[in-house]
Amino acid sequence: MKSNSILNTTGSLLHIVFFWLKEPKNNAHRAEFETAIKKLIDTNPQAIANHLGCPANSEKRDVVDNSFTYCYTMIFNSLDDQNAYQIDQTHTLFIEEASHLWERVLVSDSVNIT
């Protein structure tokens, strides 16, 4: 049954981060990045859900951008939780350990429509 209302089933803020590694075909660099970000996922207290992925083998269309190396999505209960994450030691440690591996990062934050 389809509903016309928008349900909040996961949290109020979605934090989506796209990473482009300097050397995306370098397996050692990919492993180093994945180790650092998985440590962040395992230890960060603010996020209520996480998703780490790579570009899907989606149909090639003008609106699809599969140029990124990794996509990391976090869900937070509130903007305050996301702001706390920005200064949390788990986040700053991840940046220290992995920032030398990427050439570009793009962040999009989205809040639920109520």
C-alpha atoms as a PDB file:
ATOM      1  CA  MET A   1       0.000   0.000   0.000  1.00  0.00           C
ATOM      2  CA  LYS A   2       1.421   3.345  -1.059  1.00  0.00           C
ATOM      3  CA  SER A   3       1.311   6.276   1.334  1.00  0.00           C
ATOM      4  CA  ASN A   4       1.382   9.966   0.502  1.00  0.00           C
ATOM      5  CA  SER A   5       3.239  10.774   3.736  1.00  0.00           C
ATOM      6  CA  ILE A   6       7.001  10.732   4.164  1.00  0.00           C
ATOM      7  CA  LEU A   7       8.073   8.481   7.011  1.00  0.00           C
ATOM      8  CA  ASN A   8      11.134   9.044   9.181  1.00  0.00           C
ATOM      9  CA  THR A   9      12.299   5.512   9.788  1.00  0.00           C
ATOM     10  CA  THR A  10      16.052   5.954  10.067  1.00  0.00           C
ATOM     11  CA  GLY A  11      17.004   9.345  11.463  1.00  0.00           C
ATOM     12  CA  SER A  12      16.642  12.986  10.648  1.00  0.00           C
ATOM     13  CA  LEU A  13      19.973  13.763   8.956  1.00  0.00           C
ATOM     14  CA  LEU A  14      21.751  11.974   6.141  1.00  0.00           C
ATOM     15  CA  HIS A  15      25.481  12.756   5.721  1.00  0.00           C
ATOM     16  CA  ILE A  16      26.768  11.576   2.333  1.00  0.00           C
ATOM     17  CA  VAL A  17      30.486  11.736   1.536  1.00  0.00           C
ATOM     18  CA  PHE A  18      32.047  10.919  -1.830  1.00  0.00           C
ATOM     19  CA  PHE A  19      35.796  10.236  -1.985  1.00  0.00           C
ATOM     20  CA  TRP A  20      38.028  10.248  -5.054  1.00  0.00           C
ATOM     21  CA  LEU A  21      41.329   8.551  -4.243  1.00  0.00           C
ATOM     22  CA  LYS A  22      44.515   9.884  -5.835  1.00  0.00           C
ATOM     23  CA  GLU A  23      45.356   6.396  -7.073  1.00  0.00           C
ATOM     24  CA  PRO A  24      42.060   4.485  -7.220  1.00  0.00           C
ATOM     25  CA  LYS A  25      43.653   1.439  -8.857  1.00  0.00           C
ATOM     26  CA  ASN A  26      46.335   1.134  -6.167  1.00  0.00           C
ATOM     27  CA  ASN A  27      45.207  -1.841  -4.070  1.00  0.00           C
ATOM     28  CA  ALA A  28      47.473  -0.940  -1.148  1.00  0.00           C
ATOM     29  CA  HIS A  29      45.980   2.552  -0.980  1.00  0.00           C
ATOM     30  CA  ARG A  30      42.444   1.160  -1.201  1.00  0.00           C
ATOM     31  CA  ALA A  31      43.193  -1.261   1.645  1.00  0.00           C
ATOM     32  CA  GLU A  32      44.673   1.547   3.753  1.00  0.00           C
ATOM     33  CA  PHE A  33      41.616   3.746   3.134  1.00  0.00           C
ATOM     34  CA  GLU A  34      39.181   0.914   3.886  1.00  0.00           C
ATOM     35  CA  THR A  35      40.992   0.042   7.129  1.00  0.00           C
ATOM     36  CA  ALA A  36      40.810   3.665   8.310  1.00  0.00           C
ATOM     37  CA  ILE A  37      37.158   4.200   7.403  1.00  0.00           C
ATOM     38  CA  LYS A  38      36.054   0.836   8.829  1.00  0.00           C
ATOM     39  CA  LYS A  39      37.726   1.852  12.096  1.00  0.00           C
ATOM     40  CA  LEU A  40      35.662   5.045  11.992  1.00  0.00           C
ATOM     41  CA  ILE A  41      32.482   3.054  11.367  1.00  0.00           C
ATOM     42  CA  ASP A  42      33.261   0.665  14.227  1.00  0.00           C
ATOM     43  CA  THR A  43      34.141   3.325  16.797  1.00  0.00           C
ATOM     44  CA  ASN A  44      32.095   6.464  16.065  1.00  0.00           C
ATOM     45  CA  PRO A  45      29.334   6.960  18.652  1.00  0.00           C
ATOM     46  CA  GLN A  46      27.146   9.539  16.876  1.00  0.00           C
ATOM     47  CA  ALA A  47      25.957   7.742  13.725  1.00  0.00           C
ATOM     48  CA  ILE A  48      22.961   5.442  14.044  1.00  0.00           C
ATOM     49  CA  ALA A  49      23.595   3.779  10.665  1.00  0.00           C
ATOM     50  CA  ASN A  50      26.421   3.617   8.106  1.00  0.00           C
ATOM     51  CA  HIS A  51      26.904   2.542   4.506  1.00  0.00           C
ATOM     52  CA  LEU A  52      30.256   2.241   2.755  1.00  0.00           C
ATOM     53  CA  GLY A  53      30.179   1.483  -0.937  1.00  0.00           C
ATOM     54  CA  CYS A  54      31.780   1.789  -4.338  1.00  0.00           C
ATOM     55  CA  PRO A  55      30.139   2.853  -7.596  1.00  0.00           C
ATOM     56  CA  ALA A  56      27.455   0.442  -8.715  1.00  0.00           C
ATOM     57  CA  ASN A  57      27.603  -0.919 -12.216  1.00  0.00           C
ATOM     58  CA  SER A  58      24.622   1.285 -13.065  1.00  0.00           C
ATOM     59  CA  GLU A  59      23.359   1.858 -16.551  1.00  0.00           C
ATOM     60  CA  LYS A  60      25.340   4.671 -18.155  1.00  0.00           C
ATOM     61  CA  ARG A  61      23.088   7.729 -18.253  1.00  0.00           C
ATOM     62  CA  ASP A  62      23.767  11.473 -18.216  1.00  0.00           C
ATOM     63  CA  VAL A  63      22.426  11.782 -14.660  1.00  0.00           C
ATOM     64  CA  VAL A  64      24.605   9.005 -13.174  1.00  0.00           C
ATOM     65  CA  ASP A  65      28.032   9.941 -11.804  1.00  0.00           C
ATOM     66  CA  ASN A  66      30.125   6.881 -11.030  1.00  0.00           C
ATOM     67  CA  SER A  67      33.428   8.757 -11.042  1.00  0.00           C
ATOM     68  CA  PHE A  68      33.961   8.512  -7.265  1.00  0.00           C
ATOM     69  CA  THR A  69      36.016   5.781  -5.597  1.00  0.00           C
ATOM     70  CA  TYR A  70      33.971   5.410  -2.386  1.00  0.00           C
ATOM     71  CA  CYS A  71      30.665   6.656  -1.024  1.00  0.00           C
ATOM     72  CA  TYR A  72      30.216   6.780   2.736  1.00  0.00           C
ATOM     73  CA  THR A  73      26.773   7.540   4.131  1.00  0.00           C
ATOM     74  CA  MET A  74      25.966   8.101   7.784  1.00  0.00           C
ATOM     75  CA  ILE A  75      22.600   8.662   9.426  1.00  0.00           C
ATOM     76  CA  PHE A  76      22.299  10.868  12.492  1.00  0.00           C
ATOM     77  CA  ASN A  77      19.342  11.496  14.773  1.00  0.00           C
ATOM     78  CA  SER A  78      19.929  15.253  14.691  1.00  0.00           C
ATOM     79  CA  LEU A  79      22.039  18.077  13.346  1.00  0.00           C
ATOM     80  CA  ASP A  80      23.555  18.355  16.823  1.00  0.00           C
ATOM     81  CA  ASP A  81      24.772  14.743  16.540  1.00  0.00           C
ATOM     82  CA  GLN A  82      26.281  15.460  13.121  1.00  0.00           C
ATOM     83  CA  ASN A  83      28.002  18.571  14.488  1.00  0.00           C
ATOM     84  CA  ALA A  84      29.401  16.525  17.380  1.00  0.00           C
ATOM     85  CA  TYR A  85      30.689  13.976  14.865  1.00  0.00           C
ATOM     86  CA  GLN A  86      32.663  16.674  13.043  1.00  0.00           C
ATOM     87  CA  ILE A  87      34.857  17.262  16.099  1.00  0.00           C
ATOM     88  CA  ASP A  88      34.765  13.715  17.494  1.00  0.00           C
ATOM     89  CA  GLN A  89      38.185  12.065  17.846  1.00  0.00           C
ATOM     90  CA  THR A  90      37.062   9.097  15.727  1.00  0.00           C
ATOM     91  CA  HIS A  91      36.430  11.468  12.795  1.00  0.00           C
ATOM     92  CA  THR A  92      39.597  13.516  13.241  1.00  0.00           C
ATOM     93  CA  LEU A  93      41.657  10.316  13.511  1.00  0.00           C
ATOM     94  CA  PHE A  94      40.154   9.041  10.252  1.00  0.00           C
ATOM     95  CA  ILE A  95      41.151  12.291   8.513  1.00  0.00           C
ATOM     96  CA  GLU A  96      44.687  12.031   9.917  1.00  0.00           C
ATOM     97  CA  GLU A  97      45.028   8.421   8.773  1.00  0.00           C
ATOM     98  CA  ALA A  98      43.459   8.673   5.317  1.00  0.00           C
ATOM     99  CA  SER A  99      43.454  12.235   3.957  1.00  0.00           C
ATOM    100  CA  HIS A 100      46.763  11.732   2.173  1.00  0.00           C
ATOM    101  CA  LEU A 101      45.022   9.108  -0.008  1.00  0.00           C
ATOM    102  CA  TRP A 102      42.287  11.253  -1.522  1.00  0.00           C
ATOM    103  CA  GLU A 103      42.358  14.072  -4.040  1.00  0.00           C
ATOM    104  CA  ARG A 104      38.750  15.172  -3.691  1.00  0.00           C
ATOM    105  CA  VAL A 105      35.916  14.903  -1.174  1.00  0.00           C
ATOM    106  CA  LEU A 106      32.328  16.020  -1.718  1.00  0.00           C
ATOM    107  CA  VAL A 107      29.840  16.159   1.164  1.00  0.00           C
ATOM    108  CA  SER A 108      26.059  16.491   1.002  1.00  0.00           C
ATOM    109  CA  ASP A 109      23.870  16.747   4.090  1.00  0.00           C
ATOM    110  CA  SER A 110      20.142  16.231   3.909  1.00  0.00           C
ATOM    111  CA  VAL A 111      17.397  16.597   6.498  1.00  0.00           C
ATOM    112  CA  ASN A 112      13.984  14.940   6.450  1.00  0.00           C
ATOM    113  CA  ILE A 113      11.044  16.828   5.084  1.00  0.00           C
ATOM    114  CA  THR A 114       8.442  16.857   7.810  1.00  0.00           C
END
